[in-house]
Amino acid sequence: MRLTKHGLREWLGAAVIAIALSAVWGWLAVNVSQTAGRVLLGATWLLWLAVAAFFRVPNRRIIADANALVSPADGVVRDIGIVEDHGIEIFAGQKLMRVGIFLSVLNVHVNRAPCDMEVKYRKYKEGRFLDARDKRCAKENESLVIAGTGSAAGKRFPVAIRQISGAIARRIVCVPQPGATLKKGEIYGMIKFGSRTELYFPCESGITVCVQIGDKVRSGSTLMGRVEN
């Protein structure tokens, strides 16, 4: 397991602060109270570990099945359904299947591409920071969408991923710009400190959803959908 570069400012900055505080607690242990110094030293590094855990990247074996779409996030599937008012202009007028995933603060926060993908569209939307479990968050919260053409099983189809901030998560990181290509399971960004991630594809694309509401999913290693031959 490693720490993601997308959280470098947070986990490295916290480490620098922890090192500085450790020097202070060391002086305290030597000159004032050994017990107090040790307790504060341990608490400081436990707090750093808690911060660093938000930016962990576990080793994942990406599903190799050519027909498979993988989960773009860790978390719990909160909703599955067809939406028309999705706000993704590149797919205007199309009804899309949406699979929404809730990420708690305990989940891994990096996002992965669900399939091989050519990014053709990107849109950031300012918004509120409602709890990611609130039904209104999909439309009202800050969000960022990338969309384009996905590839699996020799077929090409429209696909989109939306990152949505939550009450605690207030920073979306998304690297790809239009023209970029992503490989299935490739990390392309993260939503810091928990939130919601949504996967979209057309209802007529021949993709069968392979998860149910309430399922726990892991990015890259959970089968989210299958392209039917």
C-alpha atoms as a PDB file:
ATOM      1  CA  MET A   1       0.000   0.000   0.000  1.00  0.00           C
ATOM      2  CA  ARG A   2       1.188   3.528  -0.797  1.00  0.00           C
ATOM      3  CA  LEU A   3      -0.039   7.110  -0.414  1.00  0.00           C
ATOM      4  CA  THR A   4      -1.470   8.935  -3.403  1.00  0.00           C
ATOM      5  CA  LYS A   5       0.314  11.918  -4.929  1.00  0.00           C
ATOM      6  CA  HIS A   6      -3.064  13.664  -5.076  1.00  0.00           C
ATOM      7  CA  GLY A   7      -2.875  14.116  -1.296  1.00  0.00           C
ATOM      8  CA  LEU A   8       0.797  15.067  -1.152  1.00  0.00           C
ATOM      9  CA  ARG A   9       0.102  18.504   0.325  1.00  0.00           C
ATOM     10  CA  GLU A  10      -1.987  17.041   3.139  1.00  0.00           C
ATOM     11  CA  TRP A  11      -0.065  13.941   4.199  1.00  0.00           C
ATOM     12  CA  LEU A  12       3.417  15.403   3.649  1.00  0.00           C
ATOM     13  CA  GLY A  13       2.471  18.692   5.292  1.00  0.00           C
ATOM     14  CA  ALA A  14       1.048  16.803   8.255  1.00  0.00           C
ATOM     15  CA  ALA A  15       4.279  14.787   8.484  1.00  0.00           C
ATOM     16  CA  VAL A  16       6.379  17.966   8.609  1.00  0.00           C
ATOM     17  CA  ILE A  17       4.197  19.310  11.421  1.00  0.00           C
ATOM     18  CA  ALA A  18       4.413  15.960  13.252  1.00  0.00           C
ATOM     19  CA  ILE A  19       8.221  16.002  13.024  1.00  0.00           C
ATOM     20  CA  ALA A  20       8.362  19.545  14.399  1.00  0.00           C
ATOM     21  CA  LEU A  21       6.022  18.648  17.251  1.00  0.00           C
ATOM     22  CA  SER A  22       8.053  15.505  17.964  1.00  0.00           C
ATOM     23  CA  ALA A  23      11.097  17.677  18.646  1.00  0.00           C
ATOM     24  CA  VAL A  24       9.050  19.711  21.125  1.00  0.00           C
ATOM     25  CA  TRP A  25       7.689  16.595  22.836  1.00  0.00           C
ATOM     26  CA  GLY A  26      11.221  15.159  22.999  1.00  0.00           C
ATOM     27  CA  TRP A  27      12.414  18.255  24.818  1.00  0.00           C
ATOM     28  CA  LEU A  28       9.390  17.995  27.110  1.00  0.00           C
ATOM     29  CA  ALA A  29      10.180  14.358  27.894  1.00  0.00           C
ATOM     30  CA  VAL A  30      13.788  15.150  28.767  1.00  0.00           C
ATOM     31  CA  ASN A  31      13.292  18.379  30.713  1.00  0.00           C
ATOM     32  CA  VAL A  32       9.784  18.306  32.191  1.00  0.00           C
ATOM     33  CA  SER A  33       7.875  15.002  32.151  1.00  0.00           C
ATOM     34  CA  GLN A  34       8.916  11.809  30.414  1.00  0.00           C
ATOM     35  CA  THR A  35       5.374  10.417  30.567  1.00  0.00           C
ATOM     36  CA  ALA A  36       3.757  13.539  29.105  1.00  0.00           C
ATOM     37  CA  GLY A  37       6.351  13.706  26.340  1.00  0.00           C
ATOM     38  CA  ARG A  38       5.813  10.100  25.334  1.00  0.00           C
ATOM     39  CA  VAL A  39       2.014  10.389  25.374  1.00  0.00           C
ATOM     40  CA  LEU A  40       2.046  13.520  23.234  1.00  0.00           C
ATOM     41  CA  LEU A  41       4.565  11.968  20.849  1.00  0.00           C
ATOM     42  CA  GLY A  42       2.428   8.870  20.387  1.00  0.00           C
ATOM     43  CA  ALA A  43      -0.759  10.931  19.952  1.00  0.00           C
ATOM     44  CA  THR A  44       0.910  13.128  17.331  1.00  0.00           C
ATOM     45  CA  TRP A  45       1.933  10.205  15.136  1.00  0.00           C
ATOM     46  CA  LEU A  46      -1.391   8.436  15.605  1.00  0.00           C
ATOM     47  CA  LEU A  47      -3.066  11.589  14.327  1.00  0.00           C
ATOM     48  CA  TRP A  48      -0.695  11.667  11.343  1.00  0.00           C
ATOM     49  CA  LEU A  49      -1.539   8.047  10.548  1.00  0.00           C
ATOM     50  CA  ALA A  50      -5.230   8.942  10.622  1.00  0.00           C
ATOM     51  CA  VAL A  51      -4.638  11.772   8.137  1.00  0.00           C
ATOM     52  CA  ALA A  52      -2.452   9.603   5.919  1.00  0.00           C
ATOM     53  CA  ALA A  53      -5.100   6.864   5.861  1.00  0.00           C
ATOM     54  CA  PHE A  54      -7.383   9.170   3.865  1.00  0.00           C
ATOM     55  CA  PHE A  55      -4.819   9.111   1.054  1.00  0.00           C
ATOM     56  CA  ARG A  56      -3.950   5.416   1.021  1.00  0.00           C
ATOM     57  CA  VAL A  57      -3.843   3.431  -2.210  1.00  0.00           C
ATOM     58  CA  PRO A  58      -4.137  -0.310  -1.503  1.00  0.00           C
ATOM     59  CA  ASN A  59      -2.747  -2.772  -3.987  1.00  0.00           C
ATOM     60  CA  ARG A  60      -5.603  -3.810  -6.255  1.00  0.00           C
ATOM     61  CA  ARG A  61      -5.811  -6.535  -8.863  1.00  0.00           C
ATOM     62  CA  ILE A  62      -7.796  -4.924 -11.673  1.00  0.00           C
ATOM     63  CA  ILE A  63     -10.395  -7.268 -13.190  1.00  0.00           C
ATOM     64  CA  ALA A  64      -8.881  -8.535 -16.429  1.00  0.00           C
ATOM     65  CA  ASP A  65     -12.136  -9.681 -18.050  1.00  0.00           C
ATOM     66  CA  ALA A  66     -12.408  -7.729 -21.325  1.00  0.00           C
ATOM     67  CA  ASN A  67     -16.199  -7.470 -20.917  1.00  0.00           C
ATOM     68  CA  ALA A  68     -16.022  -5.989 -17.424  1.00  0.00           C
ATOM     69  CA  LEU A  69     -16.571  -2.445 -16.213  1.00  0.00           C
ATOM     70  CA  VAL A  70     -15.047  -1.966 -12.770  1.00  0.00           C
ATOM     71  CA  SER A  71     -16.163   0.212  -9.913  1.00  0.00           C
ATOM     72  CA  PRO A  72     -14.763   3.752 -10.086  1.00  0.00           C
ATOM     73  CA  ALA A  73     -14.752   4.101  -6.286  1.00  0.00           C
ATOM     74  CA  ASP A  74     -14.739   2.328  -2.943  1.00  0.00           C
ATOM     75  CA  GLY A  75     -17.936   2.546  -0.936  1.00  0.00           C
ATOM     76  CA  VAL A  76     -21.542   1.388  -0.862  1.00  0.00           C
ATOM     77  CA  VAL A  77     -23.954   1.417  -3.800  1.00  0.00           C
ATOM     78  CA  ARG A  78     -26.732   3.818  -2.782  1.00  0.00           C
ATOM     79  CA  ASP A  79     -28.876   3.983  -5.921  1.00  0.00           C
ATOM     80  CA  ILE A  80     -29.246   2.464  -9.382  1.00  0.00           C
ATOM     81  CA  GLY A  81     -31.612   3.890 -11.933  1.00  0.00           C
ATOM     82  CA  ILE A  82     -32.299   5.605 -15.224  1.00  0.00           C
ATOM     83  CA  VAL A  83     -31.941   9.397 -15.331  1.00  0.00           C
ATOM     84  CA  GLU A  84     -32.669  11.882 -18.091  1.00  0.00           C
ATOM     85  CA  ASP A  85     -31.947  15.157 -16.313  1.00  0.00           C
ATOM     86  CA  HIS A  86     -28.273  14.317 -15.751  1.00  0.00           C
ATOM     87  CA  GLY A  87     -26.760  17.638 -16.872  1.00  0.00           C
ATOM     88  CA  ILE A  88     -24.054  16.041 -19.033  1.00  0.00           C
ATOM     89  CA  GLU A  89     -24.301  18.119 -22.215  1.00  0.00           C
ATOM     90  CA  ILE A  90     -22.305  15.739 -24.371  1.00  0.00           C
ATOM     91  CA  PHE A  91     -25.071  13.167 -23.786  1.00  0.00           C
ATOM     92  CA  ALA A  92     -27.975  15.643 -23.950  1.00  0.00           C
ATOM     93  CA  GLY A  93     -31.286  13.984 -24.752  1.00  0.00           C
ATOM     94  CA  GLN A  94     -30.061  10.497 -23.827  1.00  0.00           C
ATOM     95  CA  LYS A  95     -31.417   8.512 -20.934  1.00  0.00           C
ATOM     96  CA  LEU A  96     -28.508   7.202 -18.895  1.00  0.00           C
ATOM     97  CA  MET A  97     -28.167   4.438 -16.355  1.00  0.00           C
ATOM     98  CA  ARG A  98     -26.680   5.857 -13.162  1.00  0.00           C
ATOM     99  CA  VAL A  99     -24.993   3.871 -10.402  1.00  0.00           C
ATOM    100  CA  GLY A 100     -24.313   6.031  -7.340  1.00  0.00           C
ATOM    101  CA  ILE A 101     -21.648   5.109  -4.771  1.00  0.00           C
ATOM    102  CA  PHE A 102     -21.405   6.665  -1.309  1.00  0.00           C
ATOM    103  CA  LEU A 103     -17.873   7.013   0.105  1.00  0.00           C
ATOM    104  CA  SER A 104     -17.536   7.365   3.863  1.00  0.00           C
ATOM    105  CA  VAL A 105     -14.515   8.928   5.548  1.00  0.00           C
ATOM    106  CA  LEU A 106     -13.217   5.398   6.172  1.00  0.00           C
ATOM    107  CA  ASN A 107     -13.168   4.404   2.500  1.00  0.00           C
ATOM    108  CA  VAL A 108     -10.286   4.703   0.052  1.00  0.00           C
ATOM    109  CA  HIS A 109     -10.852   8.020  -1.732  1.00  0.00           C
ATOM    110  CA  VAL A 110      -9.054   7.669  -5.077  1.00  0.00           C
ATOM    111  CA  ASN A 111     -11.163   7.249  -8.216  1.00  0.00           C
ATOM    112  CA  ARG A 112     -10.405   4.850 -11.080  1.00  0.00           C
ATOM    113  CA  ALA A 113     -11.509   4.622 -14.693  1.00  0.00           C
ATOM    114  CA  PRO A 114     -14.252   1.964 -15.065  1.00  0.00           C
ATOM    115  CA  CYS A 115     -12.973   0.907 -18.483  1.00  0.00           C
ATOM    116  CA  ASP A 116     -10.599   2.034 -21.210  1.00  0.00           C
ATOM    117  CA  MET A 117     -11.781   5.544 -21.915  1.00  0.00           C
ATOM    118  CA  GLU A 118     -11.174   8.511 -24.206  1.00  0.00           C
ATOM    119  CA  VAL A 119     -12.018  11.719 -22.358  1.00  0.00           C
ATOM    120  CA  LYS A 120     -13.918  14.168 -24.571  1.00  0.00           C
ATOM    121  CA  TYR A 121     -15.771  16.291 -22.024  1.00  0.00           C
ATOM    122  CA  ARG A 122     -15.057  17.795 -18.628  1.00  0.00           C
ATOM    123  CA  LYS A 123     -17.234  20.108 -16.564  1.00  0.00           C
ATOM    124  CA  TYR A 124     -16.867  21.514 -13.072  1.00  0.00           C
ATOM    125  CA  LYS A 125     -19.954  22.814 -11.254  1.00  0.00           C
ATOM    126  CA  GLU A 126     -19.909  24.950  -8.148  1.00  0.00           C
ATOM    127  CA  GLY A 127     -22.485  24.015  -5.568  1.00  0.00           C
ATOM    128  CA  ARG A 128     -23.422  23.211  -2.017  1.00  0.00           C
ATOM    129  CA  PHE A 129     -21.796  20.726   0.372  1.00  0.00           C
ATOM    130  CA  LEU A 130     -24.781  18.674   1.492  1.00  0.00           C
ATOM    131  CA  ASP A 131     -24.193  15.296   3.113  1.00  0.00           C
ATOM    132  CA  ALA A 132     -23.429  12.796   0.333  1.00  0.00           C
ATOM    133  CA  ARG A 133     -26.277  10.595   1.618  1.00  0.00           C
ATOM    134  CA  ASP A 134     -28.769  13.398   0.953  1.00  0.00           C
ATOM    135  CA  LYS A 135     -30.804  12.747  -2.217  1.00  0.00           C
ATOM    136  CA  ARG A 136     -30.354  16.386  -3.237  1.00  0.00           C
ATOM    137  CA  CYS A 137     -26.561  16.209  -3.322  1.00  0.00           C
ATOM    138  CA  ALA A 138     -26.378  14.749  -6.860  1.00  0.00           C
ATOM    139  CA  LYS A 139     -27.919  17.923  -8.281  1.00  0.00           C
ATOM    140  CA  GLU A 140     -26.992  20.617  -5.771  1.00  0.00           C
ATOM    141  CA  ASN A 141     -23.460  19.826  -4.586  1.00  0.00           C
ATOM    142  CA  GLU A 142     -20.127  20.812  -6.077  1.00  0.00           C
ATOM    143  CA  SER A 143     -19.221  18.256  -8.722  1.00  0.00           C
ATOM    144  CA  LEU A 144     -16.934  17.445 -11.621  1.00  0.00           C
ATOM    145  CA  VAL A 145     -17.793  15.220 -14.575  1.00  0.00           C
ATOM    146  CA  ILE A 146     -15.561  13.613 -17.161  1.00  0.00           C
ATOM    147  CA  ALA A 147     -17.209  11.853 -20.084  1.00  0.00           C
ATOM    148  CA  GLY A 148     -16.319  10.348 -23.415  1.00  0.00           C
ATOM    149  CA  THR A 149     -16.071   7.043 -25.198  1.00  0.00           C
ATOM    150  CA  GLY A 150     -15.515   3.809 -23.308  1.00  0.00           C
ATOM    151  CA  SER A 151     -14.179   0.584 -24.779  1.00  0.00           C
ATOM    152  CA  ALA A 152     -14.752  -3.003 -23.649  1.00  0.00           C
ATOM    153  CA  ALA A 153     -15.151  -6.351 -25.383  1.00  0.00           C
ATOM    154  CA  GLY A 154     -14.367  -4.725 -28.735  1.00  0.00           C
ATOM    155  CA  LYS A 155     -17.305  -2.329 -28.362  1.00  0.00           C
ATOM    156  CA  ARG A 156     -17.321   1.445 -27.948  1.00  0.00           C
ATOM    157  CA  PHE A 157     -19.960   3.258 -25.925  1.00  0.00           C
ATOM    158  CA  PRO A 158     -20.562   6.564 -24.105  1.00  0.00           C
ATOM    159  CA  VAL A 159     -19.478   6.626 -20.470  1.00  0.00           C
ATOM    160  CA  ALA A 160     -19.197   9.271 -17.750  1.00  0.00           C
ATOM    161  CA  ILE A 161     -18.041   9.539 -14.136  1.00  0.00           C
ATOM    162  CA  ARG A 162     -19.170  12.266 -11.769  1.00  0.00           C
ATOM    163  CA  GLN A 163     -17.270  13.164  -8.580  1.00  0.00           C
ATOM    164  CA  ILE A 164     -19.456  14.906  -5.990  1.00  0.00           C
ATOM    165  CA  SER A 165     -18.264  16.691  -2.856  1.00  0.00           C
ATOM    166  CA  GLY A 166     -19.962  15.996   0.457  1.00  0.00           C
ATOM    167  CA  ALA A 167     -20.347  17.762   3.796  1.00  0.00           C
ATOM    168  CA  ILE A 168     -16.760  16.926   4.787  1.00  0.00           C
ATOM    169  CA  ALA A 169     -15.180  16.424   1.360  1.00  0.00           C
ATOM    170  CA  ARG A 170     -14.535  19.859  -0.091  1.00  0.00           C
ATOM    171  CA  ARG A 171     -11.920  19.299  -2.711  1.00  0.00           C
ATOM    172  CA  ILE A 172     -12.212  17.339  -5.929  1.00  0.00           C
ATOM    173  CA  VAL A 173      -9.047  16.306  -7.744  1.00  0.00           C
ATOM    174  CA  CYS A 174      -9.400  15.289 -11.398  1.00  0.00           C
ATOM    175  CA  VAL A 175      -6.335  15.196 -13.649  1.00  0.00           C
ATOM    176  CA  PRO A 176      -7.604  14.242 -17.154  1.00  0.00           C
ATOM    177  CA  GLN A 177      -8.535  16.940 -19.649  1.00  0.00           C
ATOM    178  CA  PRO A 178     -10.389  16.381 -22.953  1.00  0.00           C
ATOM    179  CA  GLY A 179      -8.119  14.426 -25.247  1.00  0.00           C
ATOM    180  CA  ALA A 180      -6.694  12.236 -22.489  1.00  0.00           C
ATOM    181  CA  THR A 181      -6.955   8.449 -22.523  1.00  0.00           C
ATOM    182  CA  LEU A 182      -7.376   6.257 -19.459  1.00  0.00           C
ATOM    183  CA  LYS A 183      -6.872   2.538 -18.976  1.00  0.00           C
ATOM    184  CA  LYS A 184      -9.357   0.430 -17.029  1.00  0.00           C
ATOM    185  CA  GLY A 185      -8.574   0.719 -13.328  1.00  0.00           C
ATOM    186  CA  GLU A 186      -6.228   3.686 -13.775  1.00  0.00           C
ATOM    187  CA  ILE A 187      -6.338   6.224 -10.948  1.00  0.00           C
ATOM    188  CA  TYR A 188      -7.321   9.613 -12.355  1.00  0.00           C
ATOM    189  CA  GLY A 189      -8.174  11.627  -9.244  1.00  0.00           C
ATOM    190  CA  MET A 190      -9.876  11.603  -5.858  1.00  0.00           C
ATOM    191  CA  ILE A 191     -12.449  13.322  -3.677  1.00  0.00           C
ATOM    192  CA  LYS A 192     -10.816  14.199  -0.405  1.00  0.00           C
ATOM    193  CA  PHE A 193     -12.379  12.926   2.826  1.00  0.00           C
ATOM    194  CA  GLY A 194     -15.385  11.016   1.515  1.00  0.00           C
ATOM    195  CA  SER A 195     -18.280  11.887  -0.783  1.00  0.00           C
ATOM    196  CA  ARG A 196     -20.123  10.336  -3.756  1.00  0.00           C
ATOM    197  CA  THR A 197     -19.086   8.970  -7.151  1.00  0.00           C
ATOM    198  CA  GLU A 198     -21.513   8.207  -9.984  1.00  0.00           C
ATOM    199  CA  LEU A 199     -21.045   6.039 -13.067  1.00  0.00           C
ATOM    200  CA  TYR A 200     -23.177   6.721 -16.176  1.00  0.00           C
ATOM    201  CA  PHE A 201     -23.707   4.844 -19.420  1.00  0.00           C
ATOM    202  CA  PRO A 202     -26.596   4.714 -21.938  1.00  0.00           C
ATOM    203  CA  CYS A 203     -29.442   2.321 -21.254  1.00  0.00           C
ATOM    204  CA  GLU A 204     -29.167   0.944 -24.802  1.00  0.00           C
ATOM    205  CA  SER A 205     -25.415   0.308 -24.613  1.00  0.00           C
ATOM    206  CA  GLY A 206     -25.752  -3.419 -23.938  1.00  0.00           C
ATOM    207  CA  ILE A 207     -24.167  -3.112 -20.494  1.00  0.00           C
ATOM    208  CA  THR A 208     -25.700  -5.151 -17.676  1.00  0.00           C
ATOM    209  CA  VAL A 209     -25.397  -3.721 -14.160  1.00  0.00           C
ATOM    210  CA  CYS A 210     -23.781  -6.334 -11.906  1.00  0.00           C
ATOM    211  CA  VAL A 211     -24.278  -4.738  -8.479  1.00  0.00           C
ATOM    212  CA  GLN A 212     -27.265  -4.090  -6.258  1.00  0.00           C
ATOM    213  CA  ILE A 213     -28.187  -1.318  -3.849  1.00  0.00           C
ATOM    214  CA  GLY A 214     -26.389  -1.923  -0.560  1.00  0.00           C
ATOM    215  CA  ASP A 215     -23.427  -3.755  -2.120  1.00  0.00           C
ATOM    216  CA  LYS A 216     -19.976  -2.794  -0.899  1.00  0.00           C
ATOM    217  CA  VAL A 217     -17.652  -2.107  -3.828  1.00  0.00           C
ATOM    218  CA  ARG A 218     -13.937  -1.574  -4.282  1.00  0.00           C
ATOM    219  CA  SER A 219     -12.478   0.508  -7.075  1.00  0.00           C
ATOM    220  CA  GLY A 220     -10.878  -1.549  -9.809  1.00  0.00           C
ATOM    221  CA  SER A 221     -11.650  -4.933  -8.294  1.00  0.00           C
ATOM    222  CA  THR A 222     -15.466  -5.009  -8.101  1.00  0.00           C
ATOM    223  CA  LEU A 223     -17.449  -5.905 -11.224  1.00  0.00           C
ATOM    224  CA  MET A 224     -19.773  -2.958 -11.791  1.00  0.00           C
ATOM    225  CA  GLY A 225     -21.158  -3.905 -15.216  1.00  0.00           C
ATOM    226  CA  ARG A 226     -20.665  -6.307 -18.090  1.00  0.00           C
ATOM    227  CA  VAL A 227     -20.776  -5.621 -21.810  1.00  0.00           C
ATOM    228  CA  GLU A 228     -22.910  -8.283 -23.438  1.00  0.00           C
ATOM    229  CA  ASN A 229     -21.573  -9.777 -26.663  1.00  0.00           C
END
